[in-house]
Amino acid sequence: MTEIFEFKVPDGTGKLRLDAFCSSVLPNMTRSRLKTGMQSVELNGRQAKLSSSVQAGDRIKLMWNNPSPDFLIPEHIPLQILYEDNDVIAVNKRVGMVTHPAAGNWTGTLVQALAYYRLHTSPIHDKFAGLLEAEQGRGNFEDLLRAGIVHRLDKDTSGVLITARSAAAEAFLKDEFKMRRTEKYYAAILNGVPEKRTGVIETSVFRDEHSRIRFTASADLAKGKYARSRYKVLRVYGRYALVLFKIDTGRTHQIRLHARFIGCPIVGDPLYGKKEAEWKPYGMMLHAYRLCVALPSTREKTVFTAPLPRRFQTVLHLLRTQQANG
């Protein structure tokens, strides 16, 4: 359904982008969501862009179509459950699965899979299951969009991901991640061998000015958000290396950027890696191997481990074979 919004920029407002102003006055409207659903925008009666500048006294007319569905539909998508109790569900997310619905991926995500699991498969009936039962068919998609999601993995990354089963558990886990009391380990196969077998990578991370989906890492820590990763080379296969990363911060694409920053991009990385046809069928070689996090019920640290997926093991086998054959 298309909606029309009309605004007058109030007196005293400094010069700013049109999309920044609209997102500040429209409830729950992010700039990315605004762009996804925008049909047209006028500034003082003339066609404009979301990047246009506005100031006090300007009049804006925005035609916007809500891009998200009206309600969340549970989907029967198989999940590998690593652990569950009354507060949490820990899964081994498969590669190719998006964590939560967003523009371009409104269905087939972990959120829909968990909704089905809560309602039809899990032996535990949690509070989010009760919410799903009570709200089915109503216009509640925004409320359930990220229910229980406390952190995420990229679509092309597999491995351990923990979710909450109630609002209280969600708040507790989000605080654990925010205060960096969790320990997150990732296995990666790199195209290149780091100069040092162990090391710490510290950079700033910021969005690439030429691409909406890419980020950039810089040695200049003042340029963006601070990011730190530790790594250890576990095994070398000629010009490739199996590396264990531990991240102290959780920036978008952090390990992928840091691997490229040291000159050893992740094998199969579609954004930051080298284009090598032989590895394309196996996807990106990045796996969330281990997560250490306190649970809401015990307040004690628990370790969850997701074994390396078959695709990962296949690539390692091929690398061993190549190395043995010289």
C-alpha atoms as a PDB file:
ATOM      1  CA  MET A   1       0.000   0.000   0.000  1.00  0.00           C
ATOM      2  CA  THR A   2       1.400   3.378  -1.080  1.00  0.00           C
ATOM      3  CA  GLU A   3       1.491   6.130   1.520  1.00  0.00           C
ATOM      4  CA  ILE A   4       1.977   9.857   0.983  1.00  0.00           C
ATOM      5  CA  PHE A   5       3.885  11.906   3.544  1.00  0.00           C
ATOM      6  CA  GLU A   6       4.147  15.691   3.459  1.00  0.00           C
ATOM      7  CA  PHE A   7       6.470  17.705   5.681  1.00  0.00           C
ATOM      8  CA  LYS A   8       7.663  21.217   6.234  1.00  0.00           C
ATOM      9  CA  VAL A   9      11.192  21.416   7.589  1.00  0.00           C
ATOM     10  CA  PRO A  10      10.809  23.310  10.885  1.00  0.00           C
ATOM     11  CA  ASP A  11      12.513  26.590  11.665  1.00  0.00           C
ATOM     12  CA  GLY A  12      15.876  26.235  13.303  1.00  0.00           C
ATOM     13  CA  THR A  13      16.752  23.079  11.383  1.00  0.00           C
ATOM     14  CA  GLY A  14      20.265  23.090   9.980  1.00  0.00           C
ATOM     15  CA  LYS A  15      21.144  21.899   6.501  1.00  0.00           C
ATOM     16  CA  LEU A  16      20.963  18.101   6.155  1.00  0.00           C
ATOM     17  CA  ARG A  17      20.171  15.337   3.682  1.00  0.00           C
ATOM     18  CA  LEU A  18      16.560  14.775   2.733  1.00  0.00           C
ATOM     19  CA  ASP A  19      16.646  11.075   3.696  1.00  0.00           C
ATOM     20  CA  ALA A  20      18.205  11.909   7.075  1.00  0.00           C
ATOM     21  CA  PHE A  21      15.397  14.382   7.799  1.00  0.00           C
ATOM     22  CA  CYS A  22      12.646  11.955   6.734  1.00  0.00           C
ATOM     23  CA  SER A  23      14.061   9.091   8.799  1.00  0.00           C
ATOM     24  CA  SER A  24      14.222  11.390  11.833  1.00  0.00           C
ATOM     25  CA  VAL A  25      10.536  12.346  11.682  1.00  0.00           C
ATOM     26  CA  LEU A  26       8.998   9.055  10.516  1.00  0.00           C
ATOM     27  CA  PRO A  27       8.758   6.403  13.271  1.00  0.00           C
ATOM     28  CA  ASN A  28      10.833   3.215  12.694  1.00  0.00           C
ATOM     29  CA  MET A  29      12.052   4.511   9.335  1.00  0.00           C
ATOM     30  CA  THR A  30      15.707   3.851   8.583  1.00  0.00           C
ATOM     31  CA  ARG A  31      17.390   5.412   5.582  1.00  0.00           C
ATOM     32  CA  SER A  32      17.822   2.023   3.894  1.00  0.00           C
ATOM     33  CA  ARG A  33      14.129   1.167   4.429  1.00  0.00           C
ATOM     34  CA  LEU A  34      13.150   4.592   3.129  1.00  0.00           C
ATOM     35  CA  LYS A  35      15.182   4.035  -0.046  1.00  0.00           C
ATOM     36  CA  THR A  36      13.814   0.528  -0.605  1.00  0.00           C
ATOM     37  CA  GLY A  37      10.177   1.633  -0.543  1.00  0.00           C
ATOM     38  CA  MET A  38      10.454   5.081  -2.131  1.00  0.00           C
ATOM     39  CA  GLN A  39       8.242   5.685  -5.165  1.00  0.00           C
ATOM     40  CA  SER A  40       8.955   9.393  -5.658  1.00  0.00           C
ATOM     41  CA  VAL A  41      10.006  12.459  -3.708  1.00  0.00           C
ATOM     42  CA  GLU A  42       9.432  16.166  -4.326  1.00  0.00           C
ATOM     43  CA  LEU A  43      11.262  19.086  -2.748  1.00  0.00           C
ATOM     44  CA  ASN A  44       9.427  22.427  -2.966  1.00  0.00           C
ATOM     45  CA  GLY A  45       7.266  21.047  -5.797  1.00  0.00           C
ATOM     46  CA  ARG A  46      10.125  19.675  -7.905  1.00  0.00           C
ATOM     47  CA  GLN A  47      11.412  16.100  -8.289  1.00  0.00           C
ATOM     48  CA  ALA A  48      14.331  15.439  -5.974  1.00  0.00           C
ATOM     49  CA  LYS A  49      16.653  12.722  -4.716  1.00  0.00           C
ATOM     50  CA  LEU A  50      16.981  11.288  -1.244  1.00  0.00           C
ATOM     51  CA  SER A  51      20.516  12.682  -1.220  1.00  0.00           C
ATOM     52  CA  SER A  52      19.243  16.248  -1.818  1.00  0.00           C
ATOM     53  CA  SER A  53      19.937  18.822   0.881  1.00  0.00           C
ATOM     54  CA  VAL A  54      17.056  20.382   2.835  1.00  0.00           C
ATOM     55  CA  GLN A  55      16.842  23.300   5.248  1.00  0.00           C
ATOM     56  CA  ALA A  56      14.326  25.206   7.333  1.00  0.00           C
ATOM     57  CA  GLY A  57      11.167  26.118   5.406  1.00  0.00           C
ATOM     58  CA  ASP A  58      11.540  23.469   2.684  1.00  0.00           C
ATOM     59  CA  ARG A  59       8.463  21.406   1.807  1.00  0.00           C
ATOM     60  CA  ILE A  60       8.780  17.675   1.120  1.00  0.00           C
ATOM     61  CA  LYS A  61       6.265  15.324  -0.467  1.00  0.00           C
ATOM     62  CA  LEU A  62       7.156  11.647  -0.312  1.00  0.00           C
ATOM     63  CA  MET A  63       5.345   8.715  -1.948  1.00  0.00           C
ATOM     64  CA  TRP A  64       6.417   5.508  -0.214  1.00  0.00           C
ATOM     65  CA  ASN A  65       5.353   1.883  -0.475  1.00  0.00           C
ATOM     66  CA  ASN A  66       6.044  -0.336   2.527  1.00  0.00           C
ATOM     67  CA  PRO A  67       8.364  -3.028   1.098  1.00  0.00           C
ATOM     68  CA  SER A  68       7.916  -5.483   3.967  1.00  0.00           C
ATOM     69  CA  PRO A  69       5.127  -8.111   4.164  1.00  0.00           C
ATOM     70  CA  ASP A  70       2.141  -7.555   6.448  1.00  0.00           C
ATOM     71  CA  PHE A  71       2.861 -10.553   8.663  1.00  0.00           C
ATOM     72  CA  LEU A  72       5.484 -13.201   9.321  1.00  0.00           C
ATOM     73  CA  ILE A  73       4.817 -16.669   7.903  1.00  0.00           C
ATOM     74  CA  PRO A  74       6.733 -19.556   9.557  1.00  0.00           C
ATOM     75  CA  GLU A  75       8.587 -21.727   7.023  1.00  0.00           C
ATOM     76  CA  HIS A  76       9.554 -25.373   7.359  1.00  0.00           C
ATOM     77  CA  ILE A  77      13.281 -25.003   6.786  1.00  0.00           C
ATOM     78  CA  PRO A  78      15.515 -27.662   8.412  1.00  0.00           C
ATOM     79  CA  LEU A  79      17.721 -26.385  11.228  1.00  0.00           C
ATOM     80  CA  GLN A  80      20.710 -27.969  12.933  1.00  0.00           C
ATOM     81  CA  ILE A  81      20.096 -27.315  16.623  1.00  0.00           C
ATOM     82  CA  LEU A  82      23.264 -27.294  18.712  1.00  0.00           C
ATOM     83  CA  TYR A  83      21.560 -26.556  22.046  1.00  0.00           C
ATOM     84  CA  GLU A  84      18.295 -25.304  23.479  1.00  0.00           C
ATOM     85  CA  ASP A  85      16.788 -24.562  26.871  1.00  0.00           C
ATOM     86  CA  ASN A  86      13.980 -22.323  28.121  1.00  0.00           C
ATOM     87  CA  ASP A  87      15.934 -19.169  27.232  1.00  0.00           C
ATOM     88  CA  VAL A  88      17.981 -19.826  24.104  1.00  0.00           C
ATOM     89  CA  ILE A  89      18.274 -21.773  20.866  1.00  0.00           C
ATOM     90  CA  ALA A  90      21.786 -22.181  19.430  1.00  0.00           C
ATOM     91  CA  VAL A  91      21.950 -23.244  15.789  1.00  0.00           C
ATOM     92  CA  ASN A  92      24.577 -24.141  13.227  1.00  0.00           C
ATOM     93  CA  LYS A  93      23.475 -21.758  10.469  1.00  0.00           C
ATOM     94  CA  ARG A  94      23.986 -23.138   6.997  1.00  0.00           C
ATOM     95  CA  VAL A  95      25.704 -21.137   4.302  1.00  0.00           C
ATOM     96  CA  GLY A  96      23.291 -19.219   2.061  1.00  0.00           C
ATOM     97  CA  MET A  97      20.749 -18.504   4.815  1.00  0.00           C
ATOM     98  CA  VAL A  98      20.067 -14.879   5.717  1.00  0.00           C
ATOM     99  CA  THR A  99      19.748 -14.263   9.457  1.00  0.00           C
ATOM    100  CA  HIS A 100      16.662 -12.034   9.442  1.00  0.00           C
ATOM    101  CA  PRO A 101      14.245 -10.581   6.858  1.00  0.00           C
ATOM    102  CA  ALA A 102      15.323  -7.421   5.040  1.00  0.00           C
ATOM    103  CA  ALA A 103      15.011  -5.854   1.621  1.00  0.00           C
ATOM    104  CA  GLY A 104      15.521  -8.533  -1.024  1.00  0.00           C
ATOM    105  CA  ASN A 105      15.218 -11.364   1.510  1.00  0.00           C
ATOM    106  CA  TRP A 106      11.770 -11.203   3.074  1.00  0.00           C
ATOM    107  CA  THR A 107      11.385 -15.000   3.173  1.00  0.00           C
ATOM    108  CA  GLY A 108      13.575 -18.047   3.708  1.00  0.00           C
ATOM    109  CA  THR A 109      15.533 -16.542   6.603  1.00  0.00           C
ATOM    110  CA  LEU A 110      16.547 -17.946   9.970  1.00  0.00           C
ATOM    111  CA  VAL A 111      13.720 -15.972  11.593  1.00  0.00           C
ATOM    112  CA  GLN A 112      11.076 -17.816   9.534  1.00  0.00           C
ATOM    113  CA  ALA A 113      12.801 -21.148  10.171  1.00  0.00           C
ATOM    114  CA  LEU A 114      12.897 -20.514  13.925  1.00  0.00           C
ATOM    115  CA  ALA A 115       9.238 -19.470  13.906  1.00  0.00           C
ATOM    116  CA  TYR A 116       8.269 -22.842  12.435  1.00  0.00           C
ATOM    117  CA  TYR A 117      10.586 -24.699  14.810  1.00  0.00           C
ATOM    118  CA  ARG A 118       9.088 -22.938  17.845  1.00  0.00           C
ATOM    119  CA  LEU A 119       5.528 -23.680  16.769  1.00  0.00           C
ATOM    120  CA  HIS A 120       5.804 -27.226  15.414  1.00  0.00           C
ATOM    121  CA  THR A 121       9.043 -28.982  16.348  1.00  0.00           C
ATOM    122  CA  SER A 122      10.667 -27.756  19.536  1.00  0.00           C
ATOM    123  CA  PRO A 123       9.844 -29.608  22.766  1.00  0.00           C
ATOM    124  CA  ILE A 124       9.880 -26.225  24.522  1.00  0.00           C
ATOM    125  CA  HIS A 125       7.015 -23.760  24.109  1.00  0.00           C
ATOM    126  CA  ASP A 126       8.667 -20.370  24.601  1.00  0.00           C
ATOM    127  CA  LYS A 127       7.291 -16.850  24.904  1.00  0.00           C
ATOM    128  CA  PHE A 128       8.014 -15.992  21.281  1.00  0.00           C
ATOM    129  CA  ALA A 129       6.021 -19.081  20.246  1.00  0.00           C
ATOM    130  CA  GLY A 130       3.121 -17.707  22.259  1.00  0.00           C
ATOM    131  CA  LEU A 131       3.456 -14.376  20.479  1.00  0.00           C
ATOM    132  CA  LEU A 132       3.439 -16.101  17.097  1.00  0.00           C
ATOM    133  CA  GLU A 133       0.270 -18.013  17.989  1.00  0.00           C
ATOM    134  CA  ALA A 134      -1.464 -14.890  19.254  1.00  0.00           C
ATOM    135  CA  GLU A 135      -0.514 -12.687  16.317  1.00  0.00           C
ATOM    136  CA  GLN A 136      -0.808 -15.018  13.303  1.00  0.00           C
ATOM    137  CA  GLY A 137      -2.470 -13.266  10.388  1.00  0.00           C
ATOM    138  CA  ARG A 138      -2.239  -9.791  11.888  1.00  0.00           C
ATOM    139  CA  GLY A 139      -0.146  -6.925  10.635  1.00  0.00           C
ATOM    140  CA  ASN A 140       2.717  -7.740  12.986  1.00  0.00           C
ATOM    141  CA  PHE A 141       5.669  -8.348  10.683  1.00  0.00           C
ATOM    142  CA  GLU A 142       7.677  -5.444  12.076  1.00  0.00           C
ATOM    143  CA  ASP A 143       7.206  -6.738  15.635  1.00  0.00           C
ATOM    144  CA  LEU A 144       8.472 -10.218  14.757  1.00  0.00           C
ATOM    145  CA  LEU A 145      11.092  -9.154  12.206  1.00  0.00           C
ATOM    146  CA  ARG A 146      14.043  -9.832  14.517  1.00  0.00           C
ATOM    147  CA  ALA A 147      12.414 -11.590  17.452  1.00  0.00           C
ATOM    148  CA  GLY A 148      15.163 -13.370  19.385  1.00  0.00           C
ATOM    149  CA  ILE A 149      18.000 -12.247  17.107  1.00  0.00           C
ATOM    150  CA  VAL A 150      20.906 -10.936  19.211  1.00  0.00           C
ATOM    151  CA  HIS A 151      23.734 -11.159  16.660  1.00  0.00           C
ATOM    152  CA  ARG A 152      24.015 -12.252  13.066  1.00  0.00           C
ATOM    153  CA  LEU A 153      26.203 -13.985  10.512  1.00  0.00           C
ATOM    154  CA  ASP A 154      26.576 -12.941   6.879  1.00  0.00           C
ATOM    155  CA  LYS A 155      24.574 -14.928   4.343  1.00  0.00           C
ATOM    156  CA  ASP A 156      27.739 -16.577   3.021  1.00  0.00           C
ATOM    157  CA  THR A 157      29.041 -17.466   6.516  1.00  0.00           C
ATOM    158  CA  SER A 158      28.026 -20.678   8.269  1.00  0.00           C
ATOM    159  CA  GLY A 159      28.326 -21.648  11.913  1.00  0.00           C
ATOM    160  CA  VAL A 160      27.278 -20.971  15.502  1.00  0.00           C
ATOM    161  CA  LEU A 161      24.517 -18.453  16.093  1.00  0.00           C
ATOM    162  CA  ILE A 162      22.616 -18.088  19.376  1.00  0.00           C
ATOM    163  CA  THR A 163      19.060 -16.729  19.603  1.00  0.00           C
ATOM    164  CA  ALA A 164      16.766 -15.810  22.483  1.00  0.00           C
ATOM    165  CA  ARG A 165      13.381 -17.326  23.397  1.00  0.00           C
ATOM    166  CA  SER A 166      11.967 -14.342  25.309  1.00  0.00           C
ATOM    167  CA  ALA A 167      12.347 -10.576  25.533  1.00  0.00           C
ATOM    168  CA  ALA A 168      14.207 -10.925  28.844  1.00  0.00           C
ATOM    169  CA  ALA A 169      16.692 -13.432  27.406  1.00  0.00           C
ATOM    170  CA  GLU A 170      17.097 -11.256  24.320  1.00  0.00           C
ATOM    171  CA  ALA A 171      17.963  -8.204  26.440  1.00  0.00           C
ATOM    172  CA  PHE A 172      20.485 -10.215  28.484  1.00  0.00           C
ATOM    173  CA  LEU A 173      22.259 -11.659  25.433  1.00  0.00           C
ATOM    174  CA  LYS A 174      22.323  -8.353  23.573  1.00  0.00           C
ATOM    175  CA  ASP A 175      24.041  -6.803  26.569  1.00  0.00           C
ATOM    176  CA  GLU A 176      26.630  -9.614  26.609  1.00  0.00           C
ATOM    177  CA  PHE A 177      27.477  -8.905  22.972  1.00  0.00           C
ATOM    178  CA  LYS A 178      27.377  -5.130  23.397  1.00  0.00           C
ATOM    179  CA  MET A 179      29.734  -5.222  26.384  1.00  0.00           C
ATOM    180  CA  ARG A 180      32.033  -7.659  24.495  1.00  0.00           C
ATOM    181  CA  ARG A 181      31.830 -10.360  27.122  1.00  0.00           C
ATOM    182  CA  THR A 182      31.435 -13.031  24.447  1.00  0.00           C
ATOM    183  CA  GLU A 183      34.262 -14.866  22.669  1.00  0.00           C
ATOM    184  CA  LYS A 184      33.828 -15.500  18.954  1.00  0.00           C
ATOM    185  CA  TYR A 185      36.106 -17.761  16.920  1.00  0.00           C
ATOM    186  CA  TYR A 186      36.022 -18.272  13.150  1.00  0.00           C
ATOM    187  CA  ALA A 187      37.816 -20.696  10.862  1.00  0.00           C
ATOM    188  CA  ALA A 188      38.857 -19.374   7.463  1.00  0.00           C
ATOM    189  CA  ILE A 189      40.822 -20.585   4.473  1.00  0.00           C
ATOM    190  CA  LEU A 190      42.913 -17.737   3.128  1.00  0.00           C
ATOM    191  CA  ASN A 191      44.278 -17.180  -0.338  1.00  0.00           C
ATOM    192  CA  GLY A 192      47.785 -16.380   0.852  1.00  0.00           C
ATOM    193  CA  VAL A 193      49.829 -17.062   3.963  1.00  0.00           C
ATOM    194  CA  PRO A 194      50.151 -14.321   6.623  1.00  0.00           C
ATOM    195  CA  GLU A 195      53.746 -13.195   7.231  1.00  0.00           C
ATOM    196  CA  LYS A 196      53.403 -13.892  10.971  1.00  0.00           C
ATOM    197  CA  ARG A 197      51.905 -17.138  12.282  1.00  0.00           C
ATOM    198  CA  THR A 198      50.020 -15.223  15.003  1.00  0.00           C
ATOM    199  CA  GLY A 199      49.035 -11.593  15.075  1.00  0.00           C
ATOM    200  CA  VAL A 200      46.594  -8.802  15.879  1.00  0.00           C
ATOM    201  CA  ILE A 201      44.935  -6.715  13.163  1.00  0.00           C
ATOM    202  CA  GLU A 202      43.680  -3.252  14.138  1.00  0.00           C
ATOM    203  CA  THR A 203      41.945  -0.970  11.644  1.00  0.00           C
ATOM    204  CA  SER A 204      39.038   1.356  11.230  1.00  0.00           C
ATOM    205  CA  VAL A 205      36.084   0.073   9.208  1.00  0.00           C
ATOM    206  CA  PHE A 206      33.723   2.248   7.196  1.00  0.00           C
ATOM    207  CA  ARG A 207      31.340   1.981   4.268  1.00  0.00           C
ATOM    208  CA  ASP A 208      32.876   2.089   0.796  1.00  0.00           C
ATOM    209  CA  GLU A 209      31.894   5.400  -0.788  1.00  0.00           C
ATOM    210  CA  HIS A 210      31.581   3.717  -4.193  1.00  0.00           C
ATOM    211  CA  SER A 211      29.421   0.723  -3.167  1.00  0.00           C
ATOM    212  CA  ARG A 212      26.445   0.309  -0.830  1.00  0.00           C
ATOM    213  CA  ILE A 213      27.300  -3.329  -0.084  1.00  0.00           C
ATOM    214  CA  ARG A 214      31.045  -3.052   0.491  1.00  0.00           C
ATOM    215  CA  PHE A 215      33.099  -1.744   3.387  1.00  0.00           C
ATOM    216  CA  THR A 216      36.720  -0.610   3.645  1.00  0.00           C
ATOM    217  CA  ALA A 217      39.425  -1.134   6.273  1.00  0.00           C
ATOM    218  CA  SER A 218      42.075   1.485   6.939  1.00  0.00           C
ATOM    219  CA  ALA A 219      45.152   1.723   9.157  1.00  0.00           C
ATOM    220  CA  ASP A 220      43.951   5.243  10.013  1.00  0.00           C
ATOM    221  CA  LEU A 221      41.872   4.539  13.124  1.00  0.00           C
ATOM    222  CA  ALA A 222      40.223   7.955  12.932  1.00  0.00           C
ATOM    223  CA  LYS A 223      38.449   7.180   9.654  1.00  0.00           C
ATOM    224  CA  GLY A 224      35.687   4.897  10.936  1.00  0.00           C
ATOM    225  CA  LYS A 225      34.711   2.404  13.616  1.00  0.00           C
ATOM    226  CA  TYR A 226      37.531   0.658  15.436  1.00  0.00           C
ATOM    227  CA  ALA A 227      37.940  -3.067  14.640  1.00  0.00           C
ATOM    228  CA  ARG A 228      40.335  -5.616  16.126  1.00  0.00           C
ATOM    229  CA  SER A 229      40.912  -9.247  15.170  1.00  0.00           C
ATOM    230  CA  ARG A 230      43.416 -11.805  16.447  1.00  0.00           C
ATOM    231  CA  TYR A 231      44.530 -14.700  14.299  1.00  0.00           C
ATOM    232  CA  LYS A 232      46.587 -17.893  14.385  1.00  0.00           C
ATOM    233  CA  VAL A 233      47.740 -19.852  11.359  1.00  0.00           C
ATOM    234  CA  LEU A 234      46.801 -23.513  11.940  1.00  0.00           C
ATOM    235  CA  ARG A 235      48.054 -25.088   8.722  1.00  0.00           C
ATOM    236  CA  VAL A 236      49.707 -24.025   5.481  1.00  0.00           C
ATOM    237  CA  TYR A 237      48.899 -25.620   2.106  1.00  0.00           C
ATOM    238  CA  GLY A 238      51.295 -24.063  -0.376  1.00  0.00           C
ATOM    239  CA  ARG A 239      49.937 -20.571  -1.009  1.00  0.00           C
ATOM    240  CA  TYR A 240      46.810 -21.179   1.075  1.00  0.00           C
ATOM    241  CA  ALA A 241      46.376 -21.208   4.859  1.00  0.00           C
ATOM    242  CA  LEU A 242      43.818 -22.459   7.378  1.00  0.00           C
ATOM    243  CA  VAL A 243      43.519 -19.696   9.975  1.00  0.00           C
ATOM    244  CA  LEU A 244      41.620 -19.310  13.260  1.00  0.00           C
ATOM    245  CA  PHE A 245      40.333 -15.788  13.955  1.00  0.00           C
ATOM    246  CA  LYS A 246      39.093 -14.377  17.251  1.00  0.00           C
ATOM    247  CA  ILE A 247      37.296 -11.065  16.928  1.00  0.00           C
ATOM    248  CA  ASP A 248      37.294  -8.517  19.739  1.00  0.00           C
ATOM    249  CA  THR A 249      34.828  -6.256  17.930  1.00  0.00           C
ATOM    250  CA  GLY A 250      31.928  -7.154  15.680  1.00  0.00           C
ATOM    251  CA  ARG A 251      32.031  -4.854  12.681  1.00  0.00           C
ATOM    252  CA  THR A 252      30.267  -5.704   9.432  1.00  0.00           C
ATOM    253  CA  HIS A 253      32.493  -7.927   7.233  1.00  0.00           C
ATOM    254  CA  GLN A 254      35.277  -7.550   9.809  1.00  0.00           C
ATOM    255  CA  ILE A 255      37.185 -10.800   9.230  1.00  0.00           C
ATOM    256  CA  ARG A 256      36.710 -10.570   5.478  1.00  0.00           C
ATOM    257  CA  LEU A 257      38.136  -7.029   5.490  1.00  0.00           C
ATOM    258  CA  HIS A 258      40.994  -7.889   7.837  1.00  0.00           C
ATOM    259  CA  ALA A 259      42.010 -10.930   5.794  1.00  0.00           C
ATOM    260  CA  ARG A 260      42.187  -8.735   2.716  1.00  0.00           C
ATOM    261  CA  PHE A 261      43.967  -5.992   4.700  1.00  0.00           C
ATOM    262  CA  ILE A 262      46.904  -8.339   5.406  1.00  0.00           C
ATOM    263  CA  GLY A 263      46.989  -9.425   1.766  1.00  0.00           C
ATOM    264  CA  CYS A 264      45.337 -12.821   2.253  1.00  0.00           C
ATOM    265  CA  PRO A 265      41.646 -12.608   1.262  1.00  0.00           C
ATOM    266  CA  ILE A 266      39.255 -15.412   2.161  1.00  0.00           C
ATOM    267  CA  VAL A 267      38.856 -18.085  -0.499  1.00  0.00           C
ATOM    268  CA  GLY A 268      35.525 -17.696  -2.289  1.00  0.00           C
ATOM    269  CA  ASP A 269      34.728 -14.248  -0.889  1.00  0.00           C
ATOM    270  CA  PRO A 270      32.511 -12.655  -3.563  1.00  0.00           C
ATOM    271  CA  LEU A 271      33.176  -9.076  -2.394  1.00  0.00           C
ATOM    272  CA  TYR A 272      36.778  -8.965  -1.224  1.00  0.00           C
ATOM    273  CA  GLY A 273      38.378 -12.144  -2.555  1.00  0.00           C
ATOM    274  CA  LYS A 274      40.221 -13.224  -5.675  1.00  0.00           C
ATOM    275  CA  LYS A 275      38.203 -14.670  -8.536  1.00  0.00           C
ATOM    276  CA  GLU A 276      39.277 -18.301  -8.781  1.00  0.00           C
ATOM    277  CA  ALA A 277      36.886 -20.557 -10.666  1.00  0.00           C
ATOM    278  CA  GLU A 278      38.063 -23.775  -8.987  1.00  0.00           C
ATOM    279  CA  TRP A 279      36.719 -22.692  -5.575  1.00  0.00           C
ATOM    280  CA  LYS A 280      33.492 -21.028  -6.695  1.00  0.00           C
ATOM    281  CA  PRO A 281      31.287 -24.162  -6.226  1.00  0.00           C
ATOM    282  CA  TYR A 282      32.211 -24.326  -2.525  1.00  0.00           C
ATOM    283  CA  GLY A 283      31.271 -20.797  -1.521  1.00  0.00           C
ATOM    284  CA  MET A 284      33.088 -18.568   0.928  1.00  0.00           C
ATOM    285  CA  MET A 285      35.485 -20.355   3.262  1.00  0.00           C
ATOM    286  CA  LEU A 286      34.466 -18.620   6.511  1.00  0.00           C
ATOM    287  CA  HIS A 287      32.811 -20.530   9.365  1.00  0.00           C
ATOM    288  CA  ALA A 288      31.765 -19.369  12.854  1.00  0.00           C
ATOM    289  CA  TYR A 289      33.453 -22.257  14.617  1.00  0.00           C
ATOM    290  CA  ARG A 290      33.009 -21.497  18.301  1.00  0.00           C
ATOM    291  CA  LEU A 291      31.034 -19.127  20.536  1.00  0.00           C
ATOM    292  CA  CYS A 292      31.589 -18.683  24.266  1.00  0.00           C
ATOM    293  CA  VAL A 293      28.726 -16.814  25.924  1.00  0.00           C
ATOM    294  CA  ALA A 294      26.999 -16.608  29.305  1.00  0.00           C
ATOM    295  CA  LEU A 295      23.478 -18.039  29.366  1.00  0.00           C
ATOM    296  CA  PRO A 296      20.559 -16.102  30.891  1.00  0.00           C
ATOM    297  CA  SER A 297      19.566 -18.951  33.219  1.00  0.00           C
ATOM    298  CA  THR A 298      22.979 -19.632  34.791  1.00  0.00           C
ATOM    299  CA  ARG A 299      24.986 -16.458  34.087  1.00  0.00           C
ATOM    300  CA  GLU A 300      27.870 -18.865  33.427  1.00  0.00           C
ATOM    301  CA  LYS A 301      29.930 -19.066  30.250  1.00  0.00           C
ATOM    302  CA  THR A 302      28.987 -21.914  27.912  1.00  0.00           C
ATOM    303  CA  VAL A 303      30.903 -22.975  24.809  1.00  0.00           C
ATOM    304  CA  PHE A 304      29.100 -23.883  21.585  1.00  0.00           C
ATOM    305  CA  THR A 305      31.015 -25.438  18.695  1.00  0.00           C
ATOM    306  CA  ALA A 306      29.882 -26.024  15.108  1.00  0.00           C
ATOM    307  CA  PRO A 307      31.973 -28.643  13.262  1.00  0.00           C
ATOM    308  CA  LEU A 308      33.478 -27.602   9.951  1.00  0.00           C
ATOM    309  CA  PRO A 309      30.871 -28.122   7.204  1.00  0.00           C
ATOM    310  CA  ARG A 310      31.378 -30.673   4.448  1.00  0.00           C
ATOM    311  CA  ARG A 311      32.183 -28.008   1.835  1.00  0.00           C
ATOM    312  CA  PHE A 312      34.961 -26.733   4.089  1.00  0.00           C
ATOM    313  CA  GLN A 313      36.380 -30.208   4.602  1.00  0.00           C
ATOM    314  CA  THR A 314      36.237 -30.859   0.854  1.00  0.00           C
ATOM    315  CA  VAL A 315      38.349 -27.783   0.088  1.00  0.00           C
ATOM    316  CA  LEU A 316      40.854 -28.736   2.791  1.00  0.00           C
ATOM    317  CA  HIS A 317      41.087 -32.243   1.292  1.00  0.00           C
ATOM    318  CA  LEU A 318      41.705 -30.786  -2.176  1.00  0.00           C
ATOM    319  CA  LEU A 319      44.402 -28.493  -0.801  1.00  0.00           C
ATOM    320  CA  ARG A 320      46.107 -31.408   0.955  1.00  0.00           C
ATOM    321  CA  THR A 321      45.988 -33.412  -2.263  1.00  0.00           C
ATOM    322  CA  GLN A 322      47.434 -30.532  -4.292  1.00  0.00           C
ATOM    323  CA  GLN A 323      50.215 -30.095  -1.751  1.00  0.00           C
ATOM    324  CA  ALA A 324      51.036 -33.823  -1.740  1.00  0.00           C
ATOM    325  CA  ASN A 325      51.203 -33.877  -5.538  1.00  0.00           C
ATOM    326  CA  GLY A 326      53.505 -30.884  -5.574  1.00  0.00           C
END
